[in-house]
């Protein structure tokens, strides 16, 4: 694995974005910070999360996206896609597209743990000014990674990132991303995923699906 470093730390405020006949108020449009940013136990300082039903909270306190995947998107779209476009707090060079849930990122004193993938919604389509972008994002299987904060602290652009592997992986980020679109998952697969340190929203959804499949 190539050395990892933070390319950009991004924060957003509530903004109204319009596309065609639709307007939404969202915090997805994040912009790079020029200096250090505090990552607290449940959120990134000065960052706004509008849709708290699906975003934010202790198990999805930080969203990270790979600079390498942004390079891929720039090639695909034929234009530069800048850090923060997908609403991530940390844009990291060398971050893999897939991680196992429970893998960790150590950035100075900050320790983060992977918990869930980002599932595209209409907000992302409006942000990209493309009503079909959600399907493109789904097919790309480069969802970015939600993380919980195990140790809070301060991060800044240029900081090195150490990757700490989960010694007992039960589910990967891409596994869970695919599961979101699987209408008939195998119960044994769902049980295995529940062994991972999942985000609580994901855990609750899998438990509901398992009950439905086995009930």
N, C-alpha and C. Protein backbone atom coordinates (compact mmCIF):
# COMPACT_ATOMS: atom_id res chain seq x y z
N UNK A 1 0.85 -1.20 0.00
CA UNK A 1 0.00 0.00 0.00
C UNK A 1 0.88 1.25 0.00
N UNK A 2 0.54 2.21 -0.87
CA UNK A 2 1.33 3.43 -0.95
C UNK A 2 1.14 4.27 0.30
N UNK A 3 2.12 5.13 0.64
CA UNK A 3 1.96 6.00 1.80
C UNK A 3 0.70 6.85 1.66
N UNK A 4 0.01 7.05 2.75
CA UNK A 4 -1.23 7.81 2.74
C UNK A 4 -1.03 9.16 3.42
N UNK A 5 -1.70 10.18 2.90
CA UNK A 5 -1.65 11.49 3.52
C UNK A 5 -2.95 12.23 3.24
N UNK A 6 -3.25 13.16 4.12
CA UNK A 6 -4.44 13.99 3.93
C UNK A 6 -4.16 15.05 2.87
N UNK A 7 -4.95 15.05 1.83
CA UNK A 7 -4.80 16.05 0.78
C UNK A 7 -5.65 17.28 1.08
N UNK A 8 -6.80 17.06 1.75
CA UNK A 8 -7.69 18.19 2.04
C UNK A 8 -8.57 17.84 3.23
N UNK A 9 -8.80 18.83 4.10
CA UNK A 9 -9.77 18.72 5.19
C UNK A 9 -10.91 19.67 4.85
N UNK A 10 -12.13 19.15 4.78
CA UNK A 10 -13.24 19.91 4.23
C UNK A 10 -14.38 20.07 5.23
N UNK A 11 -14.93 21.26 5.28
CA UNK A 11 -16.10 21.53 6.13
C UNK A 11 -17.14 22.26 5.30
N UNK A 12 -18.40 22.12 5.71
CA UNK A 12 -19.47 22.74 4.95
C UNK A 12 -20.46 23.46 5.84
N UNK A 13 -21.26 24.31 5.24
CA UNK A 13 -22.35 24.98 5.93
C UNK A 13 -23.63 24.68 5.17
N UNK A 14 -24.75 24.95 5.77
CA UNK A 14 -26.03 24.71 5.10
C UNK A 14 -26.19 25.65 3.91
N UNK A 15 -26.45 25.06 2.75
CA UNK A 15 -26.65 25.84 1.53
C UNK A 15 -27.84 25.28 0.77
N UNK A 16 -28.52 26.13 0.03
CA UNK A 16 -29.60 25.69 -0.83
C UNK A 16 -29.07 25.52 -2.25
N UNK A 17 -29.23 24.32 -2.79
CA UNK A 17 -28.74 24.00 -4.13
C UNK A 17 -29.94 23.68 -5.01
N UNK A 18 -29.96 24.24 -6.20
CA UNK A 18 -31.07 24.01 -7.13
C UNK A 18 -30.59 23.20 -8.33
N UNK A 19 -31.46 22.30 -8.80
CA UNK A 19 -31.21 21.57 -10.04
C UNK A 19 -32.55 21.29 -10.69
N UNK A 20 -32.69 21.75 -11.95
CA UNK A 20 -33.95 21.65 -12.66
C UNK A 20 -35.04 22.30 -11.80
N UNK A 21 -36.07 21.55 -11.40
CA UNK A 21 -37.14 22.15 -10.61
C UNK A 21 -37.02 21.85 -9.12
N UNK A 22 -35.89 21.33 -8.73
CA UNK A 22 -35.73 20.89 -7.34
C UNK A 22 -34.75 21.79 -6.59
N UNK A 23 -35.07 22.10 -5.34
CA UNK A 23 -34.16 22.81 -4.45
C UNK A 23 -34.04 22.03 -3.14
N UNK A 24 -32.81 21.90 -2.64
CA UNK A 24 -32.62 21.25 -1.35
C UNK A 24 -31.64 22.07 -0.52
N UNK A 25 -31.84 22.04 0.78
CA UNK A 25 -30.89 22.65 1.70
C UNK A 25 -30.05 21.53 2.29
N UNK A 26 -28.75 21.66 2.17
CA UNK A 26 -27.85 20.55 2.47
C UNK A 26 -26.49 21.07 2.93
N UNK A 27 -25.75 20.22 3.60
CA UNK A 27 -24.37 20.52 3.96
C UNK A 27 -23.37 19.76 3.12
N UNK A 28 -23.80 19.19 1.99
CA UNK A 28 -22.93 18.35 1.19
C UNK A 28 -21.79 19.13 0.53
N UNK A 29 -22.01 20.41 0.27
CA UNK A 29 -21.02 21.19 -0.49
C UNK A 29 -19.94 21.68 0.47
N UNK A 30 -18.92 20.86 0.64
CA UNK A 30 -17.85 21.16 1.60
C UNK A 30 -16.66 21.78 0.88
N UNK A 31 -15.96 22.63 1.61
CA UNK A 31 -14.83 23.35 1.02
C UNK A 31 -13.58 23.14 1.86
N UNK A 32 -12.43 23.08 1.19
CA UNK A 32 -11.18 22.83 1.91
C UNK A 32 -10.87 23.92 2.93
N UNK A 33 -10.38 23.48 4.08
CA UNK A 33 -9.93 24.40 5.11
C UNK A 33 -8.47 24.72 4.86
N UNK A 34 -8.08 25.92 5.20
CA UNK A 34 -6.69 26.34 4.97
C UNK A 34 -5.76 25.94 6.11
N UNK A 35 -6.33 25.49 7.21
CA UNK A 35 -5.50 25.14 8.36
C UNK A 35 -6.03 23.95 9.11
N UNK A 36 -5.54 23.72 10.33
CA UNK A 36 -5.97 22.56 11.12
C UNK A 36 -7.46 22.61 11.45
N UNK A 37 -8.03 21.43 11.60
CA UNK A 37 -9.45 21.29 11.94
C UNK A 37 -9.56 20.27 13.07
N UNK A 38 -10.39 20.57 14.04
CA UNK A 38 -10.60 19.66 15.16
C UNK A 38 -11.62 18.59 14.79
N UNK A 39 -11.27 17.34 15.03
CA UNK A 39 -12.22 16.24 14.92
C UNK A 39 -12.62 15.85 16.33
N UNK A 40 -13.88 16.11 16.65
CA UNK A 40 -14.38 15.79 17.97
C UNK A 40 -14.90 14.37 18.06
N UNK A 41 -15.42 13.97 19.20
CA UNK A 41 -15.90 12.60 19.38
C UNK A 41 -17.05 12.20 18.46
N UNK A 42 -17.88 13.18 18.06
CA UNK A 42 -19.05 12.84 17.24
C UNK A 42 -19.19 13.67 15.97
N UNK A 43 -18.25 14.58 15.71
CA UNK A 43 -18.39 15.45 14.55
C UNK A 43 -17.09 16.18 14.26
N UNK A 44 -17.01 16.71 13.05
CA UNK A 44 -15.91 17.59 12.65
C UNK A 44 -16.30 19.01 12.99
N UNK A 45 -15.42 19.73 13.67
CA UNK A 45 -15.73 21.09 14.12
C UNK A 45 -16.11 21.99 12.95
N UNK A 46 -17.16 22.78 13.15
CA UNK A 46 -17.64 23.79 12.20
C UNK A 46 -18.25 23.18 10.94
N UNK A 47 -18.42 21.86 10.91
CA UNK A 47 -19.07 21.22 9.77
C UNK A 47 -20.55 21.04 10.06
N UNK A 48 -21.39 21.30 9.07
CA UNK A 48 -22.84 21.23 9.24
C UNK A 48 -23.38 19.96 8.58
N UNK A 49 -24.19 19.22 9.33
CA UNK A 49 -24.93 18.07 8.80
C UNK A 49 -26.40 18.42 8.87
N UNK A 50 -27.06 18.49 7.72
CA UNK A 50 -28.47 18.89 7.67
C UNK A 50 -29.38 17.68 7.85
N UNK A 51 -29.14 16.63 7.08
CA UNK A 51 -30.00 15.45 7.12
C UNK A 51 -29.47 14.47 8.16
N UNK A 52 -29.85 14.71 9.42
CA UNK A 52 -29.31 13.89 10.51
C UNK A 52 -29.96 12.52 10.60
N UNK A 53 -31.01 12.28 9.80
CA UNK A 53 -31.61 10.94 9.80
C UNK A 53 -30.65 9.92 9.19
N UNK A 54 -29.89 10.33 8.20
CA UNK A 54 -29.02 9.41 7.48
C UNK A 54 -27.54 9.73 7.61
N UNK A 55 -27.21 10.92 8.06
CA UNK A 55 -25.81 11.34 8.10
C UNK A 55 -25.44 11.84 9.49
N UNK A 56 -24.15 11.76 9.78
CA UNK A 56 -23.66 12.27 11.04
C UNK A 56 -23.91 11.32 12.19
N UNK A 57 -23.58 11.77 13.39
CA UNK A 57 -23.70 10.94 14.57
C UNK A 57 -22.40 10.24 14.89
N UNK A 58 -22.36 9.60 16.04
CA UNK A 58 -21.11 9.03 16.54
C UNK A 58 -20.50 8.00 15.61
N UNK A 59 -21.33 7.20 14.92
CA UNK A 59 -20.80 6.13 14.08
C UNK A 59 -20.53 6.57 12.64
N UNK A 60 -20.94 7.79 12.31
CA UNK A 60 -20.68 8.35 10.98
C UNK A 60 -20.20 9.79 11.16
N UNK A 61 -19.28 9.96 12.09
CA UNK A 61 -18.82 11.30 12.45
C UNK A 61 -17.96 11.94 11.38
N UNK A 62 -17.23 11.10 10.64
CA UNK A 62 -16.30 11.58 9.62
C UNK A 62 -16.55 10.79 8.34
N UNK A 63 -16.56 11.49 7.21
CA UNK A 63 -16.65 10.84 5.91
C UNK A 63 -15.36 11.10 5.15
N UNK A 64 -14.75 10.03 4.67
CA UNK A 64 -13.47 10.14 3.95
C UNK A 64 -13.64 9.63 2.52
N UNK A 65 -12.91 10.28 1.61
CA UNK A 65 -12.93 9.85 0.21
C UNK A 65 -11.50 9.89 -0.33
N UNK A 66 -11.25 9.01 -1.27
CA UNK A 66 -9.90 8.85 -1.81
C UNK A 66 -9.60 9.86 -2.92
N UNK A 67 -8.46 10.51 -2.84
CA UNK A 67 -8.01 11.39 -3.93
C UNK A 67 -7.83 10.60 -5.21
N UNK A 68 -7.40 9.35 -5.08
CA UNK A 68 -7.20 8.50 -6.25
C UNK A 68 -8.53 8.22 -6.95
N UNK A 69 -9.61 8.07 -6.16
CA UNK A 69 -10.93 7.88 -6.76
C UNK A 69 -11.43 9.16 -7.40
N UNK A 70 -11.07 10.31 -6.83
CA UNK A 70 -11.40 11.58 -7.50
C UNK A 70 -10.69 11.67 -8.85
N UNK A 71 -9.45 11.20 -8.92
CA UNK A 71 -8.74 11.18 -10.21
C UNK A 71 -9.52 10.34 -11.21
N UNK A 72 -10.02 9.20 -10.74
CA UNK A 72 -10.80 8.31 -11.61
C UNK A 72 -12.07 9.01 -12.09
N UNK A 73 -12.77 9.68 -11.18
CA UNK A 73 -13.99 10.38 -11.56
C UNK A 73 -13.70 11.52 -12.55
N UNK A 74 -12.59 12.20 -12.34
CA UNK A 74 -12.23 13.28 -13.26
C UNK A 74 -12.04 12.74 -14.67
N UNK A 75 -11.42 11.56 -14.78
CA UNK A 75 -11.25 10.92 -16.09
C UNK A 75 -12.60 10.53 -16.68
N UNK A 76 -13.46 9.97 -15.84
CA UNK A 76 -14.77 9.52 -16.31
C UNK A 76 -15.66 10.67 -16.76
N UNK A 77 -15.62 11.77 -16.03
CA UNK A 77 -16.52 12.90 -16.31
C UNK A 77 -15.93 13.91 -17.28
N UNK A 78 -14.63 13.79 -17.53
CA UNK A 78 -13.99 14.71 -18.45
C UNK A 78 -13.80 16.11 -17.90
N UNK A 79 -13.77 16.22 -16.58
CA UNK A 79 -13.54 17.50 -15.93
C UNK A 79 -12.98 17.24 -14.54
N UNK A 80 -12.37 18.23 -13.98
CA UNK A 80 -11.77 18.07 -12.66
C UNK A 80 -12.85 18.02 -11.58
N UNK A 81 -12.75 17.02 -10.71
CA UNK A 81 -13.66 16.91 -9.57
C UNK A 81 -12.83 17.21 -8.32
N UNK A 82 -13.16 18.29 -7.66
CA UNK A 82 -12.33 18.82 -6.59
C UNK A 82 -12.66 18.19 -5.23
N UNK A 83 -11.69 18.18 -4.30
CA UNK A 83 -11.95 17.70 -2.94
C UNK A 83 -13.15 18.40 -2.31
N UNK A 84 -13.95 17.61 -1.59
CA UNK A 84 -15.15 18.13 -0.95
C UNK A 84 -16.40 18.03 -1.79
N UNK A 85 -16.27 17.73 -3.08
CA UNK A 85 -17.42 17.68 -3.98
C UNK A 85 -18.45 16.65 -3.52
N UNK A 86 -17.99 15.50 -3.05
CA UNK A 86 -18.91 14.45 -2.63
C UNK A 86 -19.33 14.58 -1.17
N UNK A 87 -18.88 15.64 -0.53
CA UNK A 87 -19.31 15.90 0.84
C UNK A 87 -18.43 15.28 1.90
N UNK A 88 -17.22 14.88 1.51
CA UNK A 88 -16.34 14.24 2.50
C UNK A 88 -15.60 15.28 3.33
N UNK A 89 -15.29 14.88 4.55
CA UNK A 89 -14.49 15.72 5.45
C UNK A 89 -13.00 15.56 5.19
N UNK A 90 -12.57 14.36 4.88
CA UNK A 90 -11.16 14.09 4.64
C UNK A 90 -10.98 13.54 3.23
N UNK A 91 -10.17 14.20 2.44
CA UNK A 91 -9.77 13.69 1.14
C UNK A 91 -8.35 13.16 1.31
N UNK A 92 -8.18 11.85 1.09
CA UNK A 92 -6.92 11.20 1.47
C UNK A 92 -6.28 10.55 0.24
N UNK A 93 -5.05 10.93 -0.03
CA UNK A 93 -4.28 10.32 -1.10
C UNK A 93 -3.80 8.94 -0.63
N UNK A 94 -4.06 7.92 -1.45
CA UNK A 94 -3.65 6.57 -1.11
C UNK A 94 -4.70 5.76 -0.37
N UNK A 95 -5.82 6.39 -0.01
CA UNK A 95 -6.90 5.66 0.67
C UNK A 95 -7.52 4.67 -0.31
N UNK A 96 -7.60 3.38 0.05
CA UNK A 96 -8.20 2.42 -0.87
C UNK A 96 -9.70 2.64 -1.02
N UNK A 97 -10.24 2.24 -2.17
CA UNK A 97 -11.68 2.35 -2.39
C UNK A 97 -12.46 1.47 -1.44
N UNK A 98 -11.86 0.36 -1.04
CA UNK A 98 -12.51 -0.58 -0.14
C UNK A 98 -11.65 -0.76 1.10
N UNK A 99 -12.31 -0.86 2.24
CA UNK A 99 -11.65 -1.19 3.50
C UNK A 99 -12.54 -2.20 4.20
N UNK A 100 -12.01 -2.91 5.16
CA UNK A 100 -12.86 -3.73 6.01
C UNK A 100 -13.43 -2.88 7.13
N UNK A 101 -14.68 -3.12 7.47
CA UNK A 101 -15.25 -2.47 8.64
C UNK A 101 -14.38 -2.86 9.85
N UNK A 102 -13.99 -1.88 10.62
CA UNK A 102 -13.09 -2.11 11.74
C UNK A 102 -11.65 -1.77 11.44
N UNK A 103 -11.29 -1.60 10.15
CA UNK A 103 -9.97 -1.06 9.82
C UNK A 103 -9.89 0.37 10.36
N UNK A 104 -8.69 0.80 10.71
CA UNK A 104 -8.54 2.10 11.35
C UNK A 104 -7.53 2.99 10.63
N UNK A 105 -7.72 4.29 10.80
CA UNK A 105 -6.80 5.29 10.28
C UNK A 105 -6.26 6.09 11.45
N UNK A 106 -4.94 6.13 11.57
CA UNK A 106 -4.28 6.88 12.63
C UNK A 106 -3.65 8.12 12.02
N UNK A 107 -4.07 9.29 12.50
CA UNK A 107 -3.58 10.57 11.98
C UNK A 107 -3.12 11.39 13.19
N UNK A 108 -1.82 11.34 13.48
CA UNK A 108 -1.34 11.96 14.71
C UNK A 108 -1.99 11.28 15.89
N UNK A 109 -2.69 12.07 16.71
CA UNK A 109 -3.39 11.49 17.86
C UNK A 109 -4.81 11.04 17.52
N UNK A 110 -5.29 11.39 16.35
CA UNK A 110 -6.65 11.04 15.94
C UNK A 110 -6.71 9.59 15.47
N UNK A 111 -7.67 8.83 15.98
CA UNK A 111 -7.86 7.44 15.57
C UNK A 111 -9.30 7.27 15.10
N UNK A 112 -9.46 6.83 13.85
CA UNK A 112 -10.77 6.66 13.23
C UNK A 112 -10.97 5.20 12.85
N UNK A 113 -12.22 4.74 12.89
CA UNK A 113 -12.54 3.34 12.57
C UNK A 113 -13.63 3.29 11.51
N UNK A 114 -13.41 2.51 10.46
CA UNK A 114 -14.36 2.39 9.36
C UNK A 114 -15.63 1.67 9.82
N UNK A 115 -16.80 2.25 9.48
CA UNK A 115 -18.07 1.69 9.94
C UNK A 115 -19.08 1.42 8.84
N UNK A 116 -19.02 2.14 7.72
CA UNK A 116 -20.09 2.04 6.73
C UNK A 116 -19.69 2.73 5.42
N UNK A 117 -20.32 2.33 4.32
CA UNK A 117 -20.14 3.06 3.06
C UNK A 117 -21.14 4.20 2.96
N UNK A 118 -20.88 5.11 2.06
CA UNK A 118 -21.85 6.14 1.72
C UNK A 118 -22.77 5.57 0.63
N UNK A 119 -24.07 5.65 0.85
CA UNK A 119 -25.06 5.22 -0.15
C UNK A 119 -25.57 6.48 -0.84
N UNK A 120 -25.49 6.56 -2.17
CA UNK A 120 -25.88 7.80 -2.86
C UNK A 120 -27.37 8.09 -2.73
N UNK A 121 -27.69 9.38 -2.65
CA UNK A 121 -29.07 9.82 -2.53
C UNK A 121 -29.31 10.94 -3.52
N UNK A 122 -30.52 11.46 -3.52
CA UNK A 122 -30.86 12.53 -4.45
C UNK A 122 -30.02 13.78 -4.22
N UNK A 123 -29.56 13.98 -2.99
CA UNK A 123 -28.74 15.15 -2.69
C UNK A 123 -27.45 15.13 -3.52
N UNK A 124 -26.84 13.96 -3.66
CA UNK A 124 -25.62 13.86 -4.46
C UNK A 124 -25.91 14.18 -5.93
N UNK A 125 -27.04 13.71 -6.43
CA UNK A 125 -27.41 14.00 -7.81
C UNK A 125 -27.60 15.50 -8.03
N UNK A 126 -28.24 16.17 -7.06
CA UNK A 126 -28.43 17.62 -7.17
C UNK A 126 -27.08 18.33 -7.10
N UNK A 127 -26.23 17.90 -6.19
CA UNK A 127 -24.89 18.49 -6.07
C UNK A 127 -24.13 18.38 -7.38
N UNK A 128 -24.24 17.23 -8.05
CA UNK A 128 -23.51 17.00 -9.30
C UNK A 128 -24.27 17.54 -10.51
N UNK A 129 -25.47 18.08 -10.29
CA UNK A 129 -26.29 18.63 -11.38
C UNK A 129 -26.53 17.58 -12.46
N UNK A 130 -26.83 16.35 -12.00
CA UNK A 130 -27.00 15.21 -12.91
C UNK A 130 -27.95 14.23 -12.24
N UNK A 131 -29.19 14.16 -12.71
CA UNK A 131 -30.18 13.30 -12.06
C UNK A 131 -29.83 11.82 -12.15
N UNK A 132 -28.94 11.46 -13.06
CA UNK A 132 -28.54 10.07 -13.19
C UNK A 132 -27.25 9.74 -12.44
N UNK A 133 -26.74 10.69 -11.66
CA UNK A 133 -25.44 10.46 -11.05
C UNK A 133 -25.49 9.39 -9.97
N UNK A 134 -26.61 9.26 -9.29
CA UNK A 134 -26.72 8.22 -8.27
C UNK A 134 -26.44 6.84 -8.83
N UNK A 135 -26.95 6.55 -10.02
CA UNK A 135 -26.69 5.26 -10.66
C UNK A 135 -25.23 5.13 -11.08
N UNK A 136 -24.65 6.20 -11.56
CA UNK A 136 -23.22 6.16 -11.91
C UNK A 136 -22.37 5.87 -10.68
N UNK A 137 -22.74 6.51 -9.57
CA UNK A 137 -22.01 6.31 -8.32
C UNK A 137 -22.16 4.88 -7.84
N UNK A 138 -23.35 4.34 -7.97
CA UNK A 138 -23.58 2.95 -7.58
C UNK A 138 -22.73 1.99 -8.40
N UNK A 139 -22.73 2.17 -9.70
CA UNK A 139 -21.99 1.26 -10.57
C UNK A 139 -20.48 1.37 -10.37
N UNK A 140 -20.00 2.53 -9.97
CA UNK A 140 -18.56 2.74 -9.80
C UNK A 140 -18.01 1.97 -8.60
N UNK A 141 -18.84 1.73 -7.58
CA UNK A 141 -18.42 1.04 -6.36
C UNK A 141 -17.18 1.68 -5.74
N UNK A 142 -17.22 2.99 -5.67
CA UNK A 142 -16.20 3.79 -4.99
C UNK A 142 -16.94 4.72 -4.03
N UNK A 143 -17.53 4.14 -2.95
CA UNK A 143 -18.49 4.90 -2.15
C UNK A 143 -17.93 5.86 -1.14
N UNK A 144 -16.65 5.75 -0.83
CA UNK A 144 -16.13 6.50 0.30
C UNK A 144 -16.50 5.81 1.60
N UNK A 145 -15.97 6.29 2.70
CA UNK A 145 -16.02 5.54 3.95
C UNK A 145 -16.43 6.43 5.11
N UNK A 146 -17.45 6.01 5.83
CA UNK A 146 -17.81 6.66 7.09
C UNK A 146 -16.97 6.05 8.22
N UNK A 147 -16.61 6.91 9.17
CA UNK A 147 -15.75 6.48 10.28
C UNK A 147 -16.26 7.03 11.60
N UNK A 148 -16.08 6.23 12.65
CA UNK A 148 -16.32 6.72 14.00
C UNK A 148 -15.00 7.19 14.59
N UNK A 149 -15.07 8.07 15.56
CA UNK A 149 -13.88 8.65 16.19
C UNK A 149 -13.58 7.88 17.48
N UNK A 150 -12.46 7.19 17.50
CA UNK A 150 -12.03 6.48 18.70
C UNK A 150 -11.16 7.36 19.58
N UNK A 151 -10.46 8.31 18.95
CA UNK A 151 -9.69 9.29 19.71
C UNK A 151 -9.72 10.61 18.96
N UNK A 152 -10.20 11.65 19.62
CA UNK A 152 -10.36 12.96 18.99
C UNK A 152 -9.03 13.70 18.93
N UNK A 153 -9.01 14.78 18.15
CA UNK A 153 -7.81 15.59 18.03
C UNK A 153 -7.89 16.51 16.83
N UNK A 154 -6.75 16.95 16.37
CA UNK A 154 -6.67 17.92 15.28
C UNK A 154 -5.95 17.32 14.08
N UNK A 155 -6.49 17.58 12.88
CA UNK A 155 -5.85 17.13 11.64
C UNK A 155 -5.68 18.32 10.72
N UNK A 156 -4.78 18.17 9.74
CA UNK A 156 -4.51 19.26 8.81
C UNK A 156 -4.06 18.68 7.47
N UNK A 157 -4.22 19.44 6.39
CA UNK A 157 -3.71 18.98 5.10
C UNK A 157 -2.22 18.68 5.18
N UNK A 158 -1.82 17.58 4.55
CA UNK A 158 -0.42 17.17 4.58
C UNK A 158 -0.09 16.15 5.64
N UNK A 159 -0.99 15.96 6.61
CA UNK A 159 -0.74 14.97 7.66
C UNK A 159 -0.63 13.57 7.06
N UNK A 160 0.31 12.79 7.58
CA UNK A 160 0.42 11.40 7.15
C UNK A 160 -0.64 10.56 7.85
N UNK A 161 -1.03 9.47 7.20
CA UNK A 161 -2.08 8.59 7.70
C UNK A 161 -1.52 7.17 7.77
N UNK A 162 -1.69 6.54 8.90
CA UNK A 162 -1.28 5.16 9.08
C UNK A 162 -2.50 4.26 9.05
N UNK A 163 -2.41 3.22 8.24
CA UNK A 163 -3.53 2.28 8.07
C UNK A 163 -3.34 1.11 9.03
N UNK A 164 -4.35 0.85 9.87
CA UNK A 164 -4.29 -0.23 10.85
C UNK A 164 -5.37 -1.26 10.49
N UNK A 165 -4.96 -2.47 10.15
CA UNK A 165 -5.87 -3.49 9.64
C UNK A 165 -6.66 -4.15 10.77
N UNK A 166 -7.95 -4.36 10.56
CA UNK A 166 -8.79 -5.13 11.47
C UNK A 166 -8.34 -6.59 11.41
N UNK A 167 -7.91 -7.18 12.52
CA UNK A 167 -7.41 -8.56 12.48
C UNK A 167 -8.50 -9.61 12.28
N UNK A 168 -9.77 -9.22 12.44
CA UNK A 168 -10.86 -10.19 12.30
C UNK A 168 -11.95 -9.61 11.41
N UNK A 169 -11.67 -9.42 10.11
CA UNK A 169 -12.66 -8.78 9.23
C UNK A 169 -13.87 -9.66 8.99
N UNK A 170 -15.05 -9.05 9.05
CA UNK A 170 -16.29 -9.78 8.79
C UNK A 170 -17.09 -9.18 7.63
N UNK A 171 -16.80 -7.93 7.30
CA UNK A 171 -17.51 -7.25 6.21
C UNK A 171 -16.64 -6.13 5.68
N UNK A 172 -16.66 -5.95 4.38
CA UNK A 172 -15.95 -4.83 3.79
C UNK A 172 -16.92 -3.71 3.47
N UNK A 173 -16.37 -2.54 3.20
CA UNK A 173 -17.20 -1.39 2.82
C UNK A 173 -17.96 -1.68 1.53
N UNK A 174 -17.31 -2.29 0.56
CA UNK A 174 -17.99 -2.60 -0.70
C UNK A 174 -19.03 -3.71 -0.50
N UNK A 175 -18.76 -4.67 0.40
CA UNK A 175 -19.78 -5.67 0.73
C UNK A 175 -21.08 -4.99 1.15
N UNK A 176 -20.95 -4.02 2.06
CA UNK A 176 -22.13 -3.34 2.59
C UNK A 176 -22.76 -2.44 1.54
N UNK A 177 -21.95 -1.86 0.68
CA UNK A 177 -22.47 -1.04 -0.41
C UNK A 177 -23.33 -1.90 -1.34
N UNK A 178 -22.85 -3.06 -1.70
CA UNK A 178 -23.62 -3.97 -2.56
C UNK A 178 -24.87 -4.47 -1.86
N UNK A 179 -24.76 -4.70 -0.56
CA UNK A 179 -25.91 -5.19 0.20
C UNK A 179 -27.08 -4.21 0.14
N UNK A 180 -26.79 -2.93 0.07
CA UNK A 180 -27.85 -1.92 0.03
C UNK A 180 -28.78 -2.12 -1.17
N UNK A 181 -28.28 -2.78 -2.22
CA UNK A 181 -29.06 -2.97 -3.44
C UNK A 181 -29.49 -4.42 -3.65
N UNK A 182 -29.16 -5.29 -2.70
CA UNK A 182 -29.48 -6.70 -2.79
C UNK A 182 -30.86 -6.94 -2.18
N UNK A 183 -31.81 -7.37 -2.99
CA UNK A 183 -33.18 -7.53 -2.51
C UNK A 183 -33.38 -8.83 -1.74
N UNK A 184 -32.50 -9.82 -1.96
CA UNK A 184 -32.67 -11.12 -1.31
C UNK A 184 -31.34 -11.64 -0.76
N UNK A 185 -30.80 -10.97 0.24
CA UNK A 185 -29.51 -11.41 0.79
C UNK A 185 -29.65 -12.72 1.57
N UNK A 186 -28.59 -13.52 1.53
CA UNK A 186 -28.59 -14.77 2.27
C UNK A 186 -28.48 -14.49 3.77
N UNK A 187 -29.30 -15.16 4.59
CA UNK A 187 -29.24 -14.92 6.04
C UNK A 187 -27.86 -15.14 6.65
N UNK A 188 -27.12 -16.16 6.18
CA UNK A 188 -25.79 -16.40 6.73
C UNK A 188 -24.86 -15.23 6.47
N UNK A 189 -25.04 -14.60 5.33
CA UNK A 189 -24.24 -13.43 4.98
C UNK A 189 -24.56 -12.28 5.94
N UNK A 190 -25.84 -12.09 6.21
CA UNK A 190 -26.24 -11.02 7.13
C UNK A 190 -25.71 -11.28 8.53
N UNK A 191 -25.78 -12.51 8.97
CA UNK A 191 -25.25 -12.84 10.31
C UNK A 191 -23.76 -12.56 10.38
N UNK A 192 -23.04 -12.89 9.32
CA UNK A 192 -21.59 -12.64 9.32
C UNK A 192 -21.31 -11.14 9.40
N UNK A 193 -22.06 -10.35 8.67
CA UNK A 193 -21.84 -8.91 8.69
C UNK A 193 -22.08 -8.33 10.08
N UNK A 194 -23.02 -8.90 10.82
CA UNK A 194 -23.32 -8.39 12.16
C UNK A 194 -22.18 -8.61 13.14
N UNK A 195 -21.20 -9.41 12.78
CA UNK A 195 -20.02 -9.60 13.62
C UNK A 195 -19.06 -8.42 13.54
N UNK A 196 -19.25 -7.56 12.55
CA UNK A 196 -18.37 -6.41 12.35
C UNK A 196 -18.81 -5.23 13.21
N UNK A 197 -17.90 -4.29 13.54
CA UNK A 197 -18.25 -3.09 14.31
C UNK A 197 -18.93 -2.04 13.43
N UNK A 198 -20.14 -2.35 13.02
CA UNK A 198 -20.88 -1.54 12.06
C UNK A 198 -21.38 -0.23 12.67
N UNK A 199 -21.66 0.73 11.80
CA UNK A 199 -22.43 1.89 12.21
C UNK A 199 -23.81 1.42 12.67
N UNK A 200 -24.37 2.07 13.68
CA UNK A 200 -25.63 1.61 14.24
C UNK A 200 -26.77 1.64 13.24
N UNK A 201 -26.79 2.61 12.35
CA UNK A 201 -27.83 2.65 11.33
C UNK A 201 -27.76 1.41 10.45
N UNK A 202 -26.56 1.02 10.08
CA UNK A 202 -26.36 -0.16 9.24
C UNK A 202 -26.73 -1.42 10.01
N UNK A 203 -26.30 -1.50 11.25
CA UNK A 203 -26.62 -2.67 12.07
C UNK A 203 -28.14 -2.86 12.20
N UNK A 204 -28.85 -1.76 12.49
CA UNK A 204 -30.30 -1.85 12.65
C UNK A 204 -30.96 -2.31 11.36
N UNK A 205 -30.47 -1.82 10.23
CA UNK A 205 -31.03 -2.22 8.94
C UNK A 205 -30.78 -3.70 8.67
N UNK A 206 -29.59 -4.18 8.95
CA UNK A 206 -29.28 -5.60 8.73
C UNK A 206 -30.11 -6.47 9.66
N UNK A 207 -30.28 -6.06 10.89
CA UNK A 207 -31.10 -6.83 11.83
C UNK A 207 -32.55 -6.91 11.35
N UNK A 208 -33.08 -5.82 10.81
CA UNK A 208 -34.44 -5.84 10.26
C UNK A 208 -34.52 -6.77 9.07
N UNK A 209 -33.53 -6.73 8.21
CA UNK A 209 -33.55 -7.58 7.03
C UNK A 209 -33.40 -9.05 7.39
N UNK A 210 -32.57 -9.33 8.39
CA UNK A 210 -32.39 -10.71 8.83
C UNK A 210 -33.69 -11.26 9.42
N UNK A 211 -34.37 -10.44 10.21
CA UNK A 211 -35.65 -10.86 10.79
C UNK A 211 -36.67 -11.14 9.68
N UNK A 212 -36.66 -10.33 8.65
CA UNK A 212 -37.59 -10.52 7.55
C UNK A 212 -37.28 -11.79 6.75
N UNK A 213 -35.96 -12.03 6.53
CA UNK A 213 -35.55 -13.20 5.76
C UNK A 213 -35.77 -14.51 6.51
N UNK A 214 -35.70 -14.46 7.84
CA UNK A 214 -35.80 -15.69 8.63
C UNK A 214 -37.13 -15.82 9.36
N UNK A 215 -37.95 -14.78 9.26
CA UNK A 215 -39.20 -14.79 10.01
C UNK A 215 -40.29 -15.61 9.36
